[in-house]
Amino acid sequence: MSQSEQSAMFERILQRYEPVIGLEVHTHLKTASKLFSPAPVEYGRDPNHDVHPIDIGLPGVLPVLNERVVDLAIRLGLATHSTVNLRSVFSRKNYFYPDLPKGYQISQYEEPIVSDGWLEIDHSGGATSADAEGARARQRVGITRAHLEEDAGKSVHDSAVAGSDDTRIDLNRAGVPLLEIVSEPDLRSAEAASAYLKTLRQLLRSIEVSDADMEKGQFRCDANVSLRKRGQTEFGVRTEIKNLNSFANVEGAIRAEIIRQSELLDDGIEVVQATMHFDADRGRTSVMRLKENADDYRYFDDPDLIPLLISKDRIEVIRSEMPELPDEKRARFESQYALSSKDAGLLVAQGGVADFFEATAQNCASSKTAFNWIARDLTKELNEQSIEVEASLCKPEDLAALIGLVESGRLTARNARDLLTDLVSGGGDPEALMAERGLEAVSDSSLIEGFVDEVIASNEAAVESVKGGDDKPLNFLMGKVMQATQGKASPGEVRTRLIEKIRGE
């Protein structure tokens, strides 16, 4: 089936059924040690090198709560307009998997640390002819709860990684502090779900609650999906797609599950509540096991942990220390730096790039010029060198100085871009590098005029075409002059001189 045929089929499904989607996000908190033990939280370590007796529940050990996680949870609560509960309780969630050796997970159930909040997202709405939501719109998505829990270990099935065809268990991740953030079933499309996740990830990073690095497993999602007939208000039977670790997989899994459920309903078959697996290669979901309910986990208050009590004063101290939120920063960039909403949003969505822009703009004559260089040229270099802006050796003041050399006519934009490559990887003073490599622009008008005369004299056919009103050969002639000046002449001045000489304008 072609892509256009698939799109048409999906459109027909959405004309009959309305998807109802809720997301459960598990994000690692930004701490140096684990939730209940002093074991370090590190990434890339050899398997089973960051394991503590507390994390695997050896006899005689007692968990001790890491206070840092409480402050980070409060931050998330404040940033999502939620209630930070003054009393919350840790429970034991009982189940056995090979990567959970003590047979239970310490989590929060009936009394979470954060509840009843919301997050506003910007998305296309996944508009169809059935709902006609139109272009991009703001939507408020409810957050039911955010609760603290410890992560389990990791089962490694990849023989290339494990070194064997057997499944190997790595317990380094066991005990790493998590926040599980549960949304209300307010989402109605795969696109909206992806927008929610991107917004939440950006927020977590900006308030320094989590690095939310998806490649490291720090930001994972379970998607709950159900369908109901258009116009109905009662929810259908939901299924849960587990462990989605990329935005593309979230969208693909939700779409695949919508198709699967619609086919069942069209055939008069009931959807069964189940835990689903998404096969990204085949673009299909399949049942892993029938879905457990809360009763199956036999929750009970952890006897080794007293209720967590938070004072109002502590909440207010954390409120006073909160960094600028993404929406606040976007609005400020629009007013302070005269950026469009789109441009400001593009910067804010990239976290550290927004801070880099602000520091660059403060050293530039034009904030718009600073934005253009960052959005176009710096971003290109970072992508090509596969590094984050924080790892770049080009400092904001270096980029501002480079832009200044271009704006003053001392350096062509082309040569400046070549220098930017070296600045990102090696740093340095742009003016010194320009002088060292002999890249300073040719500003002697008589010298430029001499090169123009030479090019005109040796390219009669192109000159005649330009005289006749054809501008295409003009770029060829400009290239010849720029080549003769080793790229040091101002392209604008070269073009002006060529037109003056050829057409007398």
Protein backbone atom coordinates (compact mmCIF):
# COMPACT_ATOMS: atom_id res chain seq x y z
CA MET A 1 0.00 0.00 0.00
CA SER A 2 1.42 3.38 -1.00
CA GLN A 3 1.83 6.21 1.48
CA SER A 4 -1.03 8.16 -0.09
CA GLU A 5 -3.29 5.09 0.14
CA GLN A 6 -2.34 4.62 3.80
CA SER A 7 -3.12 8.27 4.52
CA ALA A 8 -6.50 7.97 2.81
CA MET A 9 -7.29 4.82 4.80
CA PHE A 10 -6.34 6.52 8.06
CA GLU A 11 -8.48 9.51 7.15
CA ARG A 12 -11.47 7.21 6.67
CA ILE A 13 -10.85 5.61 10.08
CA LEU A 14 -10.81 9.01 11.77
CA GLN A 15 -14.09 9.92 10.11
CA ARG A 16 -15.73 7.03 11.98
CA TYR A 17 -13.74 6.84 15.22
CA GLU A 18 -12.26 9.32 17.66
CA PRO A 19 -8.97 8.28 19.33
CA VAL A 20 -8.63 8.91 23.06
CA ILE A 21 -5.01 9.01 24.18
CA GLY A 22 -3.29 9.39 27.53
CA LEU A 23 0.46 9.18 28.15
CA GLU A 24 2.55 7.92 31.03
CA VAL A 25 6.07 9.36 30.95
CA HIS A 26 8.93 7.97 33.02
CA THR A 27 11.81 10.41 33.34
CA HIS A 28 15.06 10.00 35.26
CA LEU A 29 15.64 12.76 37.77
CA LYS A 30 18.86 14.76 37.65
CA THR A 31 20.59 13.43 40.74
CA ALA A 32 24.08 12.21 41.60
CA SER A 33 22.83 9.18 43.55
CA LYS A 34 19.89 6.79 43.48
CA LEU A 35 16.47 7.15 45.06
CA PHE A 36 17.09 5.17 48.24
CA SER A 37 20.80 4.31 48.18
CA PRO A 38 24.14 6.14 47.85
CA ALA A 39 24.98 4.27 44.62
CA PRO A 40 25.98 6.73 41.85
CA VAL A 41 23.77 7.51 38.88
CA GLU A 42 26.07 7.24 35.88
CA TYR A 43 25.65 6.32 32.23
CA GLY A 44 27.92 4.23 30.05
CA ARG A 45 29.38 2.23 32.94
CA ASP A 46 30.16 -1.48 32.62
CA PRO A 47 27.12 -3.61 33.54
CA ASN A 48 26.43 -4.14 37.25
CA HIS A 49 29.09 -1.69 38.48
CA ASP A 50 26.69 0.80 40.12
CA VAL A 51 24.66 -1.59 42.27
CA HIS A 52 23.99 -1.27 45.99
CA PRO A 53 22.47 -3.82 48.43
CA ILE A 54 19.57 -1.41 49.06
CA ASP A 55 18.67 -1.30 45.35
CA ILE A 56 18.28 -5.07 45.13
CA GLY A 57 16.66 -5.50 48.55
CA LEU A 58 19.21 -7.70 50.29
CA PRO A 59 18.20 -8.81 53.81
CA GLY A 60 18.82 -6.28 56.58
CA VAL A 61 18.99 -3.14 54.42
CA LEU A 62 16.77 -0.08 54.81
CA PRO A 63 16.00 2.56 52.16
CA VAL A 64 16.88 6.21 52.86
CA LEU A 65 15.13 8.81 50.71
CA ASN A 66 17.32 11.07 48.56
CA GLU A 67 16.09 14.58 49.48
CA ARG A 68 17.14 16.01 46.14
CA VAL A 69 14.36 14.11 44.36
CA VAL A 70 11.74 15.80 46.53
CA ASP A 71 12.89 19.26 45.43
CA LEU A 72 12.94 18.21 41.77
CA ALA A 73 9.41 16.80 42.02
CA ILE A 74 8.24 20.06 43.59
CA ARG A 75 9.82 21.97 40.68
CA LEU A 76 7.89 19.88 38.19
CA GLY A 77 4.70 20.41 40.16
CA LEU A 78 5.11 24.18 40.19
CA ALA A 79 6.01 24.29 36.48
CA THR A 80 2.88 22.32 35.53
CA HIS A 81 0.42 24.35 37.64
CA SER A 82 -0.11 21.28 39.80
CA THR A 83 -0.87 20.74 43.47
CA VAL A 84 2.21 19.79 45.44
CA ASN A 85 0.78 17.56 48.13
CA LEU A 86 2.04 18.23 51.63
CA ARG A 87 1.73 14.53 52.41
CA SER A 88 2.57 11.64 50.13
CA VAL A 89 3.19 7.95 50.74
CA PHE A 90 5.57 5.36 49.29
CA SER A 91 4.07 1.97 48.47
CA ARG A 92 5.35 -1.39 47.36
CA LYS A 93 4.23 -2.42 43.89
CA ASN A 94 4.65 -6.19 43.82
CA TYR A 95 5.63 -7.97 40.63
CA PHE A 96 8.52 -10.08 39.43
CA TYR A 97 10.71 -9.54 36.42
CA PRO A 98 14.31 -10.74 36.04
CA ASP A 99 15.54 -7.13 36.21
CA LEU A 100 13.68 -6.45 39.50
CA PRO A 101 15.43 -8.90 41.85
CA LYS A 102 13.72 -7.90 45.10
CA GLY A 103 10.31 -8.67 43.60
CA TYR A 104 8.74 -5.28 44.28
CA GLN A 105 9.17 -1.67 43.20
CA ILE A 106 8.97 1.24 45.63
CA SER A 107 6.55 3.69 44.10
CA GLN A 108 3.68 6.01 45.06
CA TYR A 109 0.09 4.99 44.46
CA GLU A 110 -2.88 6.50 46.27
CA GLU A 111 -1.05 9.56 47.60
CA PRO A 112 1.43 10.93 45.02
CA ILE A 113 3.69 13.94 45.56
CA VAL A 114 2.11 15.93 42.67
CA SER A 115 -1.43 15.91 41.29
CA ASP A 116 -4.08 17.88 39.35
CA GLY A 117 -2.02 20.02 36.96
CA TRP A 118 -1.86 20.89 33.29
CA LEU A 119 0.52 21.58 30.44
CA GLU A 120 -0.25 23.71 27.43
CA ILE A 121 0.93 22.46 24.05
CA ASP A 122 1.02 23.81 20.50
CA HIS A 123 0.10 21.34 17.77
CA SER A 124 -1.69 20.86 14.47
CA GLY A 125 -4.49 18.87 16.06
CA GLY A 126 -4.24 16.10 13.46
CA ALA A 127 -7.16 17.76 11.72
CA THR A 128 -9.40 15.62 9.56
CA SER A 129 -12.54 16.31 7.60
CA ALA A 130 -14.39 14.84 10.58
CA ASP A 131 -13.14 17.29 13.17
CA ALA A 132 -11.70 20.11 11.02
CA GLU A 133 -9.57 21.54 13.81
CA GLY A 134 -7.59 23.50 11.26
CA ALA A 135 -4.12 24.91 11.67
CA ARG A 136 -1.90 24.96 14.73
CA ALA A 137 -3.65 25.59 18.03
CA ARG A 138 -2.94 25.74 21.73
CA GLN A 139 -4.36 22.96 23.88
CA ARG A 140 -4.32 22.44 27.62
CA VAL A 141 -3.58 18.82 28.57
CA GLY A 142 -4.42 17.75 32.10
CA ILE A 143 -1.83 16.06 34.29
CA THR A 144 -3.46 13.57 36.63
CA ARG A 145 -0.42 12.95 38.81
CA ALA A 146 3.34 12.78 39.00
CA HIS A 147 4.76 10.30 41.45
CA LEU A 148 8.21 9.20 42.57
CA GLU A 149 9.43 5.67 42.04
CA GLU A 150 12.62 3.70 41.54
CA ASP A 151 13.61 2.34 38.15
CA ALA A 152 14.17 -1.36 37.53
CA GLY A 153 17.26 -2.86 35.91
CA LYS A 154 17.61 -3.60 32.23
CA SER A 155 17.32 -6.89 30.35
CA VAL A 156 19.76 -7.02 27.44
CA HIS A 157 18.57 -9.28 24.60
CA ASP A 158 20.98 -8.02 21.93
CA SER A 159 23.73 -10.61 21.47
CA ALA A 160 26.05 -7.95 20.01
CA VAL A 161 25.77 -6.00 23.28
CA ALA A 162 25.49 -8.88 25.72
CA GLY A 163 28.19 -10.96 24.06
CA SER A 164 25.90 -13.98 24.11
CA ASP A 165 22.59 -15.23 22.74
CA ASP A 166 21.37 -15.41 26.33
CA THR A 167 19.47 -12.56 27.96
CA ARG A 168 21.76 -10.69 30.33
CA ILE A 169 20.70 -8.48 33.25
CA ASP A 170 22.28 -5.10 33.96
CA LEU A 171 21.25 -3.71 37.36
CA ASN A 172 23.05 -0.36 37.07
CA ARG A 173 19.69 1.31 36.43
CA ALA A 174 17.95 -0.36 39.39
CA GLY A 175 17.08 2.28 41.96
CA VAL A 176 17.60 5.31 39.70
CA PRO A 177 14.99 7.92 40.72
CA LEU A 178 12.06 8.37 38.36
CA LEU A 179 9.12 10.69 38.09
CA GLU A 180 6.17 9.05 36.40
CA ILE A 181 4.04 11.80 34.88
CA VAL A 182 0.53 10.66 33.96
CA SER A 183 -1.62 12.76 31.65
CA GLU A 184 -5.39 12.90 31.44
CA PRO A 185 -6.87 11.21 28.32
CA ASP A 186 -7.08 14.60 26.63
CA LEU A 187 -5.10 13.87 23.47
CA ARG A 188 -6.90 13.03 20.24
CA SER A 189 -4.14 12.36 17.70
CA ALA A 190 -0.65 10.91 17.37
CA GLU A 191 0.60 14.38 16.41
CA ALA A 192 -0.83 15.90 19.59
CA ALA A 193 0.77 13.12 21.66
CA SER A 194 4.15 13.86 20.10
CA ALA A 195 3.71 17.60 20.70
CA TYR A 196 2.88 16.92 24.37
CA LEU A 197 6.01 14.81 24.80
CA LYS A 198 8.24 17.41 23.14
CA THR A 199 6.77 20.17 25.29
CA LEU A 200 7.18 18.13 28.48
CA ARG A 201 10.75 17.15 27.61
CA GLN A 202 11.64 20.78 26.91
CA LEU A 203 10.11 21.82 30.24
CA LEU A 204 11.98 19.13 32.21
CA ARG A 205 15.26 20.27 30.70
CA SER A 206 14.65 23.97 31.17
CA ILE A 207 13.85 23.63 34.87
CA GLU A 208 16.78 21.19 35.28
CA VAL A 209 14.66 18.36 36.63
CA SER A 210 15.93 15.84 34.08
CA ASP A 211 18.30 15.66 31.13
CA ALA A 212 15.53 13.60 29.47
CA ASP A 213 18.01 11.99 27.08
CA MET A 214 15.96 9.44 25.14
CA GLU A 215 19.02 7.57 23.86
CA LYS A 216 20.08 6.90 27.45
CA GLY A 217 16.62 5.75 28.47
CA GLN A 218 16.05 8.82 30.66
CA PHE A 219 12.73 9.69 29.00
CA ARG A 220 10.38 6.82 28.15
CA CYS A 221 6.70 6.73 27.36
CA ASP A 222 3.76 4.33 27.62
CA ALA A 223 0.76 5.28 25.48
CA ASN A 224 -2.83 4.40 26.43
CA VAL A 225 -5.07 4.29 23.37
CA SER A 226 -8.77 3.65 22.90
CA LEU A 227 -11.34 4.38 20.20
CA ARG A 228 -14.95 5.50 20.38
CA LYS A 229 -17.48 6.23 17.69
CA ARG A 230 -17.61 9.86 16.62
CA GLY A 231 -20.14 11.70 18.74
CA GLN A 232 -20.00 9.27 21.67
CA THR A 233 -18.84 10.44 25.09
CA GLU A 234 -18.14 7.09 26.74
CA PHE A 235 -14.55 5.86 26.52
CA GLY A 236 -13.71 2.64 24.71
CA VAL A 237 -11.49 -0.16 26.05
CA ARG A 238 -7.91 1.04 26.24
CA THR A 239 -4.66 -0.73 25.55
CA GLU A 240 -1.21 0.32 26.73
CA ILE A 241 1.77 0.41 24.37
CA LYS A 242 4.93 0.01 26.46
CA ASN A 243 8.40 1.54 26.37
CA LEU A 244 8.31 3.96 23.45
CA ASN A 245 11.62 5.80 23.35
CA SER A 246 11.41 8.19 20.41
CA PHE A 247 8.90 10.71 19.12
CA ALA A 248 8.67 8.85 15.80
CA ASN A 249 7.91 5.59 17.60
CA VAL A 250 5.21 7.25 19.69
CA GLU A 251 3.45 8.55 16.59
CA GLY A 252 3.94 5.30 14.69
CA ALA A 253 2.74 3.11 17.58
CA ILE A 254 -0.38 5.19 18.21
CA ARG A 255 -1.30 5.18 14.52
CA ALA A 256 -0.73 1.42 14.30
CA GLU A 257 -2.88 0.77 17.37
CA ILE A 258 -5.66 3.01 16.03
CA ILE A 259 -5.69 0.92 12.84
CA ARG A 260 -5.65 -2.38 14.79
CA GLN A 261 -8.51 -1.39 17.08
CA SER A 262 -10.59 0.03 14.21
CA GLU A 263 -10.27 -3.26 12.31
CA LEU A 264 -11.48 -5.21 15.37
CA LEU A 265 -14.41 -2.87 15.96
CA ASP A 266 -15.38 -2.91 12.29
CA ASP A 267 -15.53 -6.73 12.48
CA GLY A 268 -17.67 -6.62 15.63
CA ILE A 269 -14.85 -7.89 17.86
CA GLU A 270 -14.36 -6.35 21.29
CA VAL A 271 -11.05 -4.73 22.12
CA VAL A 272 -9.46 -6.44 25.13
CA GLN A 273 -7.51 -4.45 27.71
CA ALA A 274 -3.91 -5.49 27.15
CA THR A 275 -0.28 -4.46 27.19
CA MET A 276 1.00 -3.98 23.66
CA HIS A 277 4.36 -4.15 21.91
CA PHE A 278 5.17 -1.93 18.93
CA ASP A 279 7.28 -3.40 16.11
CA ALA A 280 8.75 -0.30 14.48
CA ASP A 281 10.12 -2.23 11.49
CA ARG A 282 6.73 -3.67 10.57
CA GLY A 283 4.71 -0.70 11.84
CA ARG A 284 2.38 -2.95 13.85
CA THR A 285 1.31 -3.45 17.43
CA SER A 286 0.80 -6.87 19.03
CA VAL A 287 -0.48 -8.14 22.37
CA MET A 288 2.23 -8.94 24.93
CA ARG A 289 -0.03 -9.88 27.84
CA LEU A 290 -3.45 -9.09 29.22
CA LYS A 291 -3.33 -5.85 31.12
CA GLU A 292 -2.81 -5.99 34.86
CA ASN A 293 -5.04 -3.88 37.10
CA ALA A 294 -3.94 -2.15 40.29
CA ASP A 295 -5.24 -5.08 42.35
CA ASP A 296 -2.80 -7.40 40.59
CA TYR A 297 0.13 -5.43 41.99
CA ARG A 298 -1.05 -5.79 45.62
CA TYR A 299 -0.04 -2.24 46.58
CA PHE A 300 0.57 -1.59 50.27
CA ASP A 301 2.39 1.15 52.17
CA ASP A 302 6.10 0.44 52.39
CA PRO A 303 6.78 -0.50 56.03
CA ASP A 304 10.35 0.83 55.83
CA LEU A 305 9.39 4.36 54.77
CA ILE A 306 7.36 6.88 56.73
CA PRO A 307 5.00 9.27 54.91
CA LEU A 308 6.75 12.13 53.12
CA LEU A 309 5.76 15.47 54.67
CA ILE A 310 6.57 18.71 52.83
CA SER A 311 6.26 22.13 54.44
CA LYS A 312 4.69 25.10 52.65
CA ASP A 313 7.85 27.07 53.38
CA ARG A 314 9.93 24.56 51.45
CA ILE A 315 7.62 24.85 48.45
CA GLU A 316 7.90 28.64 48.51
CA VAL A 317 11.71 28.52 48.69
CA ILE A 318 11.77 26.29 45.61
CA ARG A 319 9.27 28.56 43.86
CA SER A 320 11.62 31.51 44.44
CA GLU A 321 14.51 29.54 42.91
CA MET A 322 12.64 28.39 39.80
CA PRO A 323 14.38 29.19 36.49
CA GLU A 324 12.54 30.97 33.70
CA LEU A 325 9.90 28.72 32.15
CA PRO A 326 9.88 28.13 28.36
CA ASP A 327 6.69 30.11 27.71
CA GLU A 328 8.03 33.01 29.75
CA LYS A 329 11.32 32.97 27.85
CA ARG A 330 9.56 32.82 24.48
CA ALA A 331 7.42 35.85 25.32
CA ARG A 332 10.48 37.77 26.55
CA PHE A 333 12.46 36.95 23.41
CA GLU A 334 9.61 38.27 21.29
CA SER A 335 9.48 41.59 23.13
CA GLN A 336 13.14 42.10 24.06
CA TYR A 337 14.76 40.92 20.81
CA ALA A 338 11.94 41.62 18.33
CA LEU A 339 11.75 37.99 17.23
CA SER A 340 8.68 36.42 15.73
CA SER A 341 6.77 33.89 17.80
CA LYS A 342 8.02 31.14 15.49
CA ASP A 343 11.68 32.18 15.78
CA ALA A 344 11.49 32.61 19.55
CA GLY A 345 9.83 29.21 19.86
CA LEU A 346 12.52 27.60 17.72
CA LEU A 347 15.24 28.88 20.06
CA VAL A 348 13.47 28.03 23.30
CA ALA A 349 12.76 24.49 22.08
CA GLN A 350 16.51 23.88 21.84
CA GLY A 351 17.35 24.70 25.45
CA GLY A 352 21.03 25.68 25.50
CA VAL A 353 20.75 27.29 22.06
CA ALA A 354 18.39 29.89 23.54
CA ASP A 355 20.99 30.87 26.15
CA PHE A 356 23.69 30.96 23.45
CA PHE A 357 21.51 33.24 21.32
CA GLU A 358 20.88 35.65 24.17
CA ALA A 359 24.57 35.97 25.00
CA THR A 360 25.39 36.47 21.30
CA ALA A 361 22.62 39.02 20.73
CA GLN A 362 23.84 41.11 23.64
CA ASN A 363 27.15 41.51 21.82
CA CYS A 364 25.67 42.11 18.34
CA ALA A 365 24.28 45.21 16.71
CA SER A 366 21.28 43.24 15.46
CA SER A 367 19.54 40.46 17.40
CA LYS A 368 17.84 39.32 14.17
CA THR A 369 21.25 38.87 12.52
CA ALA A 370 22.41 36.89 15.55
CA PHE A 371 19.33 34.67 15.25
CA ASN A 372 19.92 34.05 11.54
CA TRP A 373 23.52 33.00 12.09
CA ILE A 374 22.56 30.69 14.94
CA ALA A 375 19.44 29.16 13.35
CA ARG A 376 21.10 28.64 9.99
CA ASP A 377 24.89 28.38 10.26
CA LEU A 378 25.69 27.44 13.86
CA THR A 379 22.94 24.80 13.98
CA LYS A 380 24.26 23.32 10.72
CA GLU A 381 27.77 23.08 12.15
CA LEU A 382 26.58 21.52 15.40
CA ASN A 383 24.59 18.91 13.48
CA GLU A 384 27.49 18.09 11.15
CA GLN A 385 29.88 17.73 14.07
CA SER A 386 27.26 15.83 16.12
CA ILE A 387 27.67 17.94 19.24
CA GLU A 388 25.44 20.01 21.50
CA VAL A 389 25.94 23.76 21.71
CA GLU A 390 27.31 23.36 25.25
CA ALA A 391 30.17 21.24 23.86
CA SER A 392 31.06 23.74 21.14
CA LEU A 393 34.33 25.65 21.60
CA CYS A 394 32.78 28.64 19.83
CA LYS A 395 31.64 31.02 22.56
CA PRO A 396 28.81 33.53 22.09
CA GLU A 397 31.28 36.42 22.08
CA ASP A 398 33.27 34.64 19.34
CA LEU A 399 30.22 34.34 17.11
CA ALA A 400 29.30 37.97 17.80
CA ALA A 401 32.82 39.03 16.78
CA LEU A 402 32.59 36.94 13.60
CA ILE A 403 29.25 38.54 12.73
CA GLY A 404 30.79 41.96 13.37
CA LEU A 405 33.58 41.26 10.88
CA VAL A 406 30.99 40.39 8.23
CA GLU A 407 28.79 43.38 9.02
CA SER A 408 31.76 45.76 8.77
CA GLY A 409 32.75 44.36 5.38
CA ARG A 410 36.10 43.01 6.58
CA LEU A 411 35.09 39.37 6.01
CA THR A 412 32.79 37.83 3.44
CA ALA A 413 29.92 35.69 4.66
CA ARG A 414 31.34 32.71 2.76
CA ASN A 415 34.73 32.93 4.48
CA ALA A 416 33.02 33.58 7.81
CA ARG A 417 31.14 30.29 7.47
CA ASP A 418 34.42 28.50 6.80
CA LEU A 419 35.87 30.05 9.96
CA LEU A 420 32.78 29.08 11.95
CA THR A 421 33.52 25.41 11.29
CA ASP A 422 36.91 25.81 12.96
CA LEU A 423 35.55 27.95 15.77
CA VAL A 424 33.01 25.28 16.72
CA SER A 425 35.62 22.52 16.81
CA GLY A 426 38.66 24.45 18.04
CA GLY A 427 37.65 27.89 19.30
CA GLY A 428 39.83 30.96 18.90
CA ASP A 429 39.67 34.66 18.09
CA PRO A 430 37.85 35.24 14.76
CA GLU A 431 39.86 38.34 13.88
CA ALA A 432 43.18 36.62 14.58
CA LEU A 433 42.14 33.59 12.52
CA MET A 434 41.07 35.88 9.66
CA ALA A 435 44.45 37.63 9.65
CA GLU A 436 46.39 34.39 10.03
CA ARG A 437 44.70 32.88 6.96
CA GLY A 438 44.71 36.05 4.89
CA LEU A 439 40.95 36.16 4.57
CA GLU A 440 40.34 39.87 5.15
CA ALA A 441 38.03 41.21 2.47
CA VAL A 442 39.37 43.21 -0.44
CA SER A 443 38.14 46.76 0.16
CA ASP A 444 40.29 48.56 -2.43
CA SER A 445 37.73 49.67 -5.04
CA SER A 446 40.36 50.10 -7.74
CA LEU A 447 41.62 46.56 -7.16
CA ILE A 448 38.12 45.12 -7.41
CA GLU A 449 37.50 47.18 -10.53
CA GLY A 450 40.64 45.75 -12.11
CA PHE A 451 39.44 42.19 -11.54
CA VAL A 452 36.02 43.10 -12.95
CA ASP A 453 37.62 44.53 -16.11
CA GLU A 454 39.69 41.37 -16.60
CA VAL A 455 36.64 39.09 -16.27
CA ILE A 456 34.57 41.20 -18.66
CA ALA A 457 37.35 41.19 -21.25
CA SER A 458 37.78 37.41 -21.18
CA ASN A 459 34.08 36.38 -21.19
CA GLU A 460 32.52 38.18 -24.17
CA ALA A 461 29.63 35.75 -24.71
CA ALA A 462 28.43 36.01 -21.11
CA VAL A 463 28.81 39.78 -21.18
CA GLU A 464 26.70 40.05 -24.35
CA SER A 465 23.96 37.95 -22.73
CA VAL A 466 23.89 40.22 -19.70
CA LYS A 467 23.74 43.26 -21.95
CA GLY A 468 20.69 41.72 -23.59
CA GLY A 469 18.91 41.50 -20.23
CA ASP A 470 19.73 37.92 -19.23
CA ASP A 471 20.86 37.89 -15.59
CA LYS A 472 21.79 34.20 -15.46
CA PRO A 473 25.37 34.69 -16.77
CA LEU A 474 25.81 37.43 -14.16
CA ASN A 475 26.29 34.83 -11.45
CA PHE A 476 28.92 33.13 -13.61
CA LEU A 477 30.80 36.42 -14.00
CA MET A 478 30.52 37.14 -10.27
CA GLY A 479 31.98 33.72 -9.56
CA LYS A 480 34.94 34.48 -11.79
CA VAL A 481 35.64 37.77 -9.97
CA MET A 482 35.27 36.14 -6.55
CA GLN A 483 37.66 33.40 -7.66
CA ALA A 484 40.18 36.00 -8.78
CA THR A 485 39.95 37.76 -5.39
CA GLN A 486 40.11 34.41 -3.53
CA GLY A 487 36.63 35.03 -2.16
CA LYS A 488 37.68 38.21 -0.38
CA ALA A 489 35.62 40.75 -2.31
CA SER A 490 32.14 41.78 -1.29
CA PRO A 491 29.69 39.89 -3.55
CA GLY A 492 27.34 42.88 -3.47
CA GLU A 493 30.02 45.28 -4.62
CA VAL A 494 31.19 42.87 -7.34
CA ARG A 495 27.65 42.55 -8.69
CA THR A 496 27.16 46.32 -8.65
CA ARG A 497 30.45 46.92 -10.51
CA LEU A 498 29.67 44.28 -13.15
CA ILE A 499 26.23 45.76 -13.89
CA GLU A 500 27.69 49.27 -14.02
CA LYS A 501 30.41 48.22 -16.46
CA ILE A 502 28.24 46.03 -18.70
CA ARG A 503 24.93 47.89 -18.78
CA GLY A 504 26.04 51.31 -17.69
CA GLU A 505 23.41 51.35 -14.94
